[in-house]
Amino acid sequence: MAQMNMKEAIRDAIRVELSRDPNVVVFGEDVGHVGGVFRVTEGLQKEFGEERVFDTPLAESAIGGLAVGLGIQGFRPIAEIQFVGFIFEALDQMVVQAARMRYRSGGRYNSPIVFRTPYGGGVKAAELHTDALEGLLAQSPGIKVVVPSNPYDAKGLLISAIRDNDPVFFMEHLNLYHAFRAEVPEGDYTVEIGKANVVREGSDVTIIAYGMMVHTAAKAAEELEKNGIKAEIIDLRTVSPIDIDTIVASVKKTNRAIVVQEAQKSSGVAAEVIAQINEKAILHLEAPVLRVAPPDTVYPFAQIEDAWLPTPARIVEAVNKVLNF
């Protein structure tokens, strides 16, 4: 085992796949010589050459189009969109082309593409750099959406994503790149896409989260435990598809649940999770399932983003509401 932060774990996953499969290629804005804005791909061009790891023009639509073309020719592209807010320029290629390729061609062609992008608030970044846009992709059939919360999962999920024959949107939270180190196996291993993880056992309430919000939920759970409340935390890891079986098993045990997301409240992953709980476990609920999420506004300027993002205190408040319903 090695100690890695999330940035290093992601780089190691890419290195494993570049070494294993000659059809894997990495490209995006500044990912080659510089190693990306956050140096995630640092050193990979020197190690694998400019034909395997290379820079592109500042044109997300071109990055997406190149990924689709390479994918149907047998390559496995890892295409970096430099910041999440820039995906709008590439959505046609991502959800109209890549996500529909298998269906449109009757199974003749696949789009084995990973679209990597950093996202997430709390870092005082500029506009369009921190939005949580997973809901846009989660509603699009044919593309999986993965949001890891820790280095171990990040490496294993990314290796699984690169090997997947359909496109995967892989979101990396800015605040988690250097947040902490954890034990990560060296070499090859995978974490299953579409399988959630119970990161904390509990009996009184289920807290469902993903990405950075798993850590926010963990802080809330520590506060709740001081008052004798045992919260179970589920890390979705994949928000499309959603592992509803793990969620339902937890709800049957705790009979109460809340869902935490960093994206705006309406029409997001939390709403879908709640809908599926209602469809499959409503008779086990002792209270409505609540959402903890930012308001339905444009992501605010850096000076006030801390007041906009979910906090442990807001999660504690929601838990107390469902417990006292």
Protein backbone atom coordinates (compact mmCIF):
# COMPACT_ATOMS: atom_id res chain seq x y z
CA MET A 1 0.00 0.00 0.00
CA ALA A 2 1.06 3.55 -0.71
CA GLN A 3 -0.12 6.80 0.85
CA MET A 4 -1.74 8.98 -1.82
CA ASN A 5 -3.96 12.01 -2.01
CA MET A 6 -6.74 12.01 -4.57
CA LYS A 7 -4.70 13.80 -7.22
CA GLU A 8 -1.94 11.21 -6.97
CA ALA A 9 -4.42 8.33 -6.96
CA ILE A 10 -6.04 9.59 -10.17
CA ARG A 11 -2.65 10.01 -11.82
CA ASP A 12 -1.69 6.49 -10.75
CA ALA A 13 -4.90 5.07 -12.25
CA ILE A 14 -4.12 6.76 -15.57
CA ARG A 15 -0.54 5.46 -15.42
CA VAL A 16 -1.77 1.90 -14.81
CA GLU A 17 -4.04 2.03 -17.85
CA LEU A 18 -1.52 3.76 -20.13
CA SER A 19 0.92 0.98 -19.27
CA ARG A 20 -1.60 -1.83 -19.67
CA ASP A 21 -3.45 -0.79 -22.83
CA PRO A 22 -1.72 0.91 -25.81
CA ASN A 23 -5.12 2.20 -26.98
CA VAL A 24 -5.47 4.51 -23.95
CA VAL A 25 -4.70 8.15 -24.77
CA VAL A 26 -4.92 11.28 -22.62
CA PHE A 27 -5.61 14.77 -23.94
CA GLY A 28 -7.01 18.14 -22.98
CA GLU A 29 -5.95 21.72 -22.34
CA ASP A 30 -2.45 21.80 -20.83
CA VAL A 31 -2.50 18.14 -19.71
CA GLY A 32 0.77 17.29 -21.47
CA HIS A 33 3.92 19.27 -20.69
CA VAL A 34 2.35 21.21 -17.79
CA GLY A 35 0.38 18.27 -16.40
CA GLY A 36 -2.93 20.08 -16.15
CA VAL A 37 -4.04 23.05 -14.05
CA PHE A 38 -3.84 20.92 -10.91
CA ARG A 39 -0.90 18.80 -12.11
CA VAL A 40 -2.99 15.63 -12.10
CA THR A 41 -1.31 14.34 -15.27
CA GLU A 42 2.13 15.70 -14.39
CA GLY A 43 4.95 13.54 -15.73
CA LEU A 44 2.77 11.29 -17.87
CA GLN A 45 3.74 12.87 -21.18
CA LYS A 46 7.43 12.44 -20.36
CA GLU A 47 6.79 8.81 -19.39
CA PHE A 48 4.52 7.78 -22.27
CA GLY A 49 5.30 10.25 -25.03
CA GLU A 50 3.51 13.02 -26.86
CA GLU A 51 1.43 10.63 -28.97
CA ARG A 52 -0.23 9.17 -25.86
CA VAL A 53 -0.49 12.29 -23.66
CA PHE A 54 -0.96 15.56 -25.52
CA ASP A 55 -2.36 19.08 -25.37
CA THR A 56 -5.33 20.34 -27.34
CA PRO A 57 -6.48 23.82 -28.37
CA LEU A 58 -8.73 25.74 -25.97
CA ALA A 59 -11.87 24.28 -27.53
CA GLU A 60 -14.00 21.90 -25.50
CA SER A 61 -16.16 21.00 -28.50
CA ALA A 62 -13.01 19.88 -30.30
CA ILE A 63 -11.90 17.83 -27.29
CA GLY A 64 -15.29 16.10 -27.21
CA GLY A 65 -15.34 15.52 -30.96
CA LEU A 66 -11.82 14.09 -30.94
CA ALA A 67 -12.81 11.73 -28.11
CA VAL A 68 -15.84 10.45 -30.04
CA GLY A 69 -13.82 9.91 -33.21
CA LEU A 70 -11.04 8.09 -31.42
CA GLY A 71 -13.53 6.00 -29.44
CA ILE A 72 -15.24 4.53 -32.49
CA GLN A 73 -11.81 3.70 -33.95
CA GLY A 74 -10.88 1.46 -31.03
CA PHE A 75 -9.03 3.90 -28.77
CA ARG A 76 -9.90 4.53 -25.12
CA PRO A 77 -9.67 8.32 -24.73
CA ILE A 78 -9.33 10.08 -21.40
CA ALA A 79 -10.47 13.60 -22.25
CA GLU A 80 -10.04 16.32 -19.65
CA ILE A 81 -12.45 19.25 -19.55
CA GLN A 82 -10.38 21.78 -17.62
CA PHE A 83 -13.23 22.96 -15.35
CA VAL A 84 -16.77 21.66 -15.00
CA GLY A 85 -18.42 24.86 -16.19
CA PHE A 86 -16.77 24.43 -19.57
CA ILE A 87 -18.70 21.24 -20.41
CA PHE A 88 -21.47 23.28 -22.00
CA GLU A 89 -19.25 23.69 -25.05
CA ALA A 90 -18.94 19.89 -25.31
CA LEU A 91 -22.41 18.67 -24.31
CA ASP A 92 -23.37 17.91 -27.91
CA GLN A 93 -20.41 15.58 -28.26
CA MET A 94 -20.92 14.07 -24.80
CA VAL A 95 -24.66 13.42 -24.67
CA VAL A 96 -25.80 13.58 -28.30
CA GLN A 97 -22.87 11.69 -29.83
CA ALA A 98 -20.94 9.62 -27.27
CA ALA A 99 -23.85 8.64 -25.02
CA ARG A 100 -25.99 7.50 -27.98
CA MET A 101 -23.30 5.83 -30.06
CA ARG A 102 -24.06 2.23 -29.09
CA TYR A 103 -27.82 2.69 -29.60
CA ARG A 104 -27.51 4.74 -32.77
CA SER A 105 -25.17 2.23 -34.44
CA GLY A 106 -27.08 -0.86 -33.31
CA GLY A 107 -24.12 -1.98 -31.22
CA ARG A 108 -21.60 -1.63 -34.04
CA TYR A 109 -19.70 1.17 -32.34
CA ASN A 110 -18.95 2.07 -28.71
CA SER A 111 -17.72 5.23 -27.05
CA PRO A 112 -15.27 3.99 -24.39
CA ILE A 113 -14.47 7.53 -23.28
CA VAL A 114 -13.75 9.02 -19.87
CA PHE A 115 -14.52 12.72 -19.59
CA ARG A 116 -12.61 13.94 -16.53
CA THR A 117 -13.37 17.30 -14.95
CA PRO A 118 -12.69 19.08 -11.64
CA TYR A 119 -15.66 20.66 -9.87
CA GLY A 120 -16.79 21.81 -6.46
CA GLY A 121 -17.00 24.77 -4.12
CA GLY A 122 -15.25 25.99 -1.02
CA VAL A 123 -12.09 27.03 -2.86
CA LYS A 124 -13.09 30.61 -3.81
CA ALA A 125 -12.61 29.95 -7.52
CA ALA A 126 -13.92 32.01 -10.42
CA GLU A 127 -17.36 31.73 -11.99
CA LEU A 128 -18.07 28.45 -13.88
CA HIS A 129 -15.15 26.69 -12.17
CA THR A 130 -16.99 25.22 -9.18
CA ASP A 131 -20.57 24.40 -10.18
CA ALA A 132 -21.82 20.87 -9.51
CA LEU A 133 -23.35 19.86 -12.85
CA GLU A 134 -23.72 16.11 -12.39
CA GLY A 135 -27.50 16.37 -12.72
CA LEU A 136 -27.19 17.43 -16.37
CA LEU A 137 -25.32 14.25 -17.24
CA ALA A 138 -27.23 11.96 -14.87
CA GLN A 139 -30.43 12.65 -16.83
CA SER A 140 -28.74 11.65 -20.09
CA PRO A 141 -29.12 7.93 -20.94
CA GLY A 142 -25.99 6.12 -22.08
CA ILE A 143 -23.38 7.90 -19.96
CA LYS A 144 -22.37 6.94 -16.44
CA VAL A 145 -21.58 9.62 -13.83
CA VAL A 146 -18.96 8.89 -11.17
CA VAL A 147 -18.09 11.16 -8.22
CA PRO A 148 -15.45 9.70 -5.87
CA SER A 149 -14.94 10.96 -2.33
CA ASN A 150 -11.52 9.51 -1.45
CA PRO A 151 -8.24 8.41 -3.05
CA TYR A 152 -8.91 4.65 -2.89
CA ASP A 153 -12.24 4.95 -4.68
CA ALA A 154 -10.89 7.52 -7.13
CA LYS A 155 -8.21 5.18 -8.45
CA GLY A 156 -10.37 2.06 -8.55
CA LEU A 157 -13.35 3.82 -10.11
CA LEU A 158 -11.22 5.56 -12.72
CA ILE A 159 -9.63 2.28 -13.82
CA SER A 160 -13.14 0.80 -14.10
CA ALA A 161 -14.26 3.85 -16.07
CA ILE A 162 -11.38 3.62 -18.54
CA ARG A 163 -12.19 -0.05 -19.16
CA ASP A 164 -15.91 0.59 -19.59
CA ASN A 165 -17.18 0.34 -23.16
CA ASP A 166 -19.55 3.28 -22.70
CA PRO A 167 -18.75 6.90 -21.80
CA VAL A 168 -18.18 7.91 -18.19
CA PHE A 169 -18.32 11.44 -16.77
CA PHE A 170 -15.75 11.43 -13.96
CA MET A 171 -15.99 14.36 -11.52
CA GLU A 172 -13.11 15.28 -9.20
CA HIS A 173 -13.79 17.69 -6.34
CA LEU A 174 -11.31 20.55 -6.14
CA ASN A 175 -11.32 20.46 -2.35
CA LEU A 176 -10.40 16.76 -2.29
CA TYR A 177 -7.31 16.83 -4.52
CA HIS A 178 -5.02 17.58 -1.55
CA ALA A 179 -7.40 17.21 1.40
CA PHE A 180 -5.87 14.06 2.91
CA ARG A 181 -3.85 10.98 2.15
CA ALA A 182 -5.07 7.42 2.42
CA GLU A 183 -3.81 3.92 1.74
CA VAL A 184 -4.13 3.09 -1.96
CA PRO A 185 -2.98 -0.23 -3.46
CA GLU A 186 -0.15 0.09 -5.92
CA GLY A 187 -0.81 -1.38 -9.33
CA ASP A 188 -4.07 -2.69 -10.74
CA TYR A 189 -7.42 -2.86 -8.91
CA THR A 190 -10.96 -1.74 -9.65
CA VAL A 191 -13.97 -0.40 -7.75
CA GLU A 192 -17.30 -1.34 -9.30
CA ILE A 193 -19.19 1.44 -11.02
CA GLY A 194 -22.78 1.62 -9.80
CA LYS A 195 -22.08 0.27 -6.30
CA ALA A 196 -22.49 2.52 -3.27
CA ASN A 197 -20.48 2.18 -0.06
CA VAL A 198 -21.68 2.31 3.54
CA VAL A 199 -18.89 4.38 5.07
CA ARG A 200 -20.41 4.65 8.56
CA GLU A 201 -22.80 2.24 10.25
CA GLY A 202 -25.78 3.65 12.12
CA SER A 203 -29.28 2.83 13.32
CA ASP A 204 -31.24 6.09 13.64
CA VAL A 205 -31.05 7.83 10.26
CA THR A 206 -29.49 7.30 6.83
CA ILE A 207 -27.48 10.15 5.32
CA ILE A 208 -26.90 9.71 1.58
CA ALA A 209 -24.17 11.81 -0.05
CA TYR A 210 -21.38 11.77 -2.61
CA GLY A 211 -18.14 13.57 -3.35
CA MET A 212 -17.14 16.26 -0.86
CA MET A 213 -20.52 16.04 0.85
CA VAL A 214 -19.58 12.61 2.26
CA HIS A 215 -17.03 14.39 4.45
CA THR A 216 -19.48 17.13 5.38
CA ALA A 217 -21.95 14.40 6.38
CA ALA A 218 -19.27 12.66 8.45
CA LYS A 219 -18.68 15.85 10.45
CA ALA A 220 -22.42 16.10 11.04
CA ALA A 221 -22.56 12.47 12.16
CA GLU A 222 -19.86 13.15 14.74
CA GLU A 223 -21.92 16.00 16.17
CA LEU A 224 -25.07 13.89 16.19
CA GLU A 225 -23.33 11.08 18.04
CA LYS A 226 -22.59 13.45 20.91
CA ASN A 227 -26.36 13.45 21.48
CA GLY A 228 -26.70 9.71 21.12
CA ILE A 229 -27.90 9.78 17.49
CA LYS A 230 -26.27 7.14 15.29
CA ALA A 231 -26.27 8.15 11.64
CA GLU A 232 -25.50 5.75 8.83
CA ILE A 233 -23.68 7.35 5.90
CA ILE A 234 -23.89 6.03 2.35
CA ASP A 235 -21.39 7.24 -0.23
CA LEU A 236 -23.13 6.86 -3.60
CA ARG A 237 -19.80 6.96 -5.50
CA THR A 238 -21.81 6.68 -8.73
CA VAL A 239 -24.79 9.00 -9.25
CA SER A 240 -25.82 7.37 -12.54
CA PRO A 241 -26.65 4.56 -12.15
CA ILE A 242 -27.74 4.86 -8.52
CA ASP A 243 -27.31 1.85 -6.24
CA ILE A 244 -30.84 1.88 -4.86
CA ASP A 245 -30.50 -1.60 -3.30
CA THR A 246 -27.88 -0.40 -0.79
CA ILE A 247 -30.00 2.66 -0.01
CA VAL A 248 -33.17 0.64 0.55
CA ALA A 249 -31.37 -1.83 2.81
CA SER A 250 -30.23 1.08 4.98
CA VAL A 251 -33.64 2.77 5.03
CA LYS A 252 -35.25 -0.49 6.15
CA LYS A 253 -32.87 -0.42 9.12
CA THR A 254 -33.06 3.25 10.09
CA ASN A 255 -36.56 4.21 8.82
CA ARG A 256 -35.43 7.78 8.18
CA ALA A 257 -33.21 9.40 5.55
CA ILE A 258 -31.82 12.66 4.23
CA VAL A 259 -29.89 13.28 1.01
CA VAL A 260 -27.06 15.81 0.74
CA GLN A 261 -25.80 17.30 -2.51
CA GLU A 262 -23.65 20.27 -3.49
CA ALA A 263 -25.71 21.02 -6.58
CA GLN A 264 -28.76 23.29 -6.46
CA LYS A 265 -31.77 21.69 -4.81
CA SER A 266 -34.24 21.16 -7.65
CA SER A 267 -34.19 18.37 -10.24
CA GLY A 268 -30.92 16.84 -9.12
CA VAL A 269 -29.50 13.57 -7.86
CA ALA A 270 -31.10 14.04 -4.43
CA ALA A 271 -34.55 14.33 -6.00
CA GLU A 272 -33.97 11.10 -7.95
CA VAL A 273 -32.77 9.26 -4.85
CA ILE A 274 -35.85 10.36 -2.92
CA ALA A 275 -38.15 9.31 -5.78
CA GLN A 276 -36.61 5.84 -5.84
CA ILE A 277 -36.83 5.49 -2.05
CA ASN A 278 -40.52 6.39 -2.26
CA GLU A 279 -41.06 3.83 -5.00
CA LYS A 280 -39.28 0.99 -3.22
CA ALA A 281 -39.28 1.66 0.52
CA ILE A 282 -42.01 4.14 1.42
CA LEU A 283 -43.67 1.79 3.91
CA HIS A 284 -40.43 1.64 5.89
CA LEU A 285 -40.26 5.43 6.35
CA GLU A 286 -41.25 7.12 9.60
CA ALA A 287 -40.75 10.61 8.14
CA PRO A 288 -40.41 12.27 4.75
CA VAL A 289 -36.96 12.12 3.16
CA LEU A 290 -35.38 15.59 3.25
CA ARG A 291 -32.80 17.26 1.02
CA VAL A 292 -29.87 19.34 2.20
CA ALA A 293 -28.69 21.36 -0.78
CA PRO A 294 -27.91 24.92 -1.85
CA PRO A 295 -30.77 27.15 -2.98
CA ASP A 296 -31.89 27.30 -6.59
CA THR A 297 -29.72 30.25 -7.53
CA VAL A 298 -26.69 30.79 -9.73
CA TYR A 299 -23.53 29.72 -7.92
CA PRO A 300 -22.57 32.79 -5.88
CA PHE A 301 -19.41 34.83 -5.99
CA ALA A 302 -16.56 33.61 -3.81
CA GLN A 303 -17.20 36.09 -0.98
CA ILE A 304 -20.48 34.40 -0.02
CA GLU A 305 -20.11 30.82 -1.21
CA ASP A 306 -19.62 29.50 2.34
CA ALA A 307 -23.14 30.67 3.20
CA TRP A 308 -24.49 28.92 0.09
CA LEU A 309 -22.91 25.49 0.44
CA PRO A 310 -24.33 22.74 2.70
CA THR A 311 -22.73 22.59 6.14
CA PRO A 312 -22.62 20.04 8.98
CA ALA A 313 -24.98 22.29 10.96
CA ARG A 314 -27.59 22.20 8.18
CA ILE A 315 -27.32 18.42 8.02
CA VAL A 316 -27.77 18.15 11.79
CA GLU A 317 -30.84 20.37 11.53
CA ALA A 318 -32.35 18.15 8.83
CA VAL A 319 -31.65 14.99 10.84
CA ASN A 320 -33.39 16.47 13.87
CA LYS A 321 -36.41 17.31 11.70
CA VAL A 322 -36.84 13.74 10.48
CA LEU A 323 -36.24 12.34 13.97
CA ASN A 324 -38.85 14.66 15.49
CA PHE A 325 -41.41 14.32 12.70
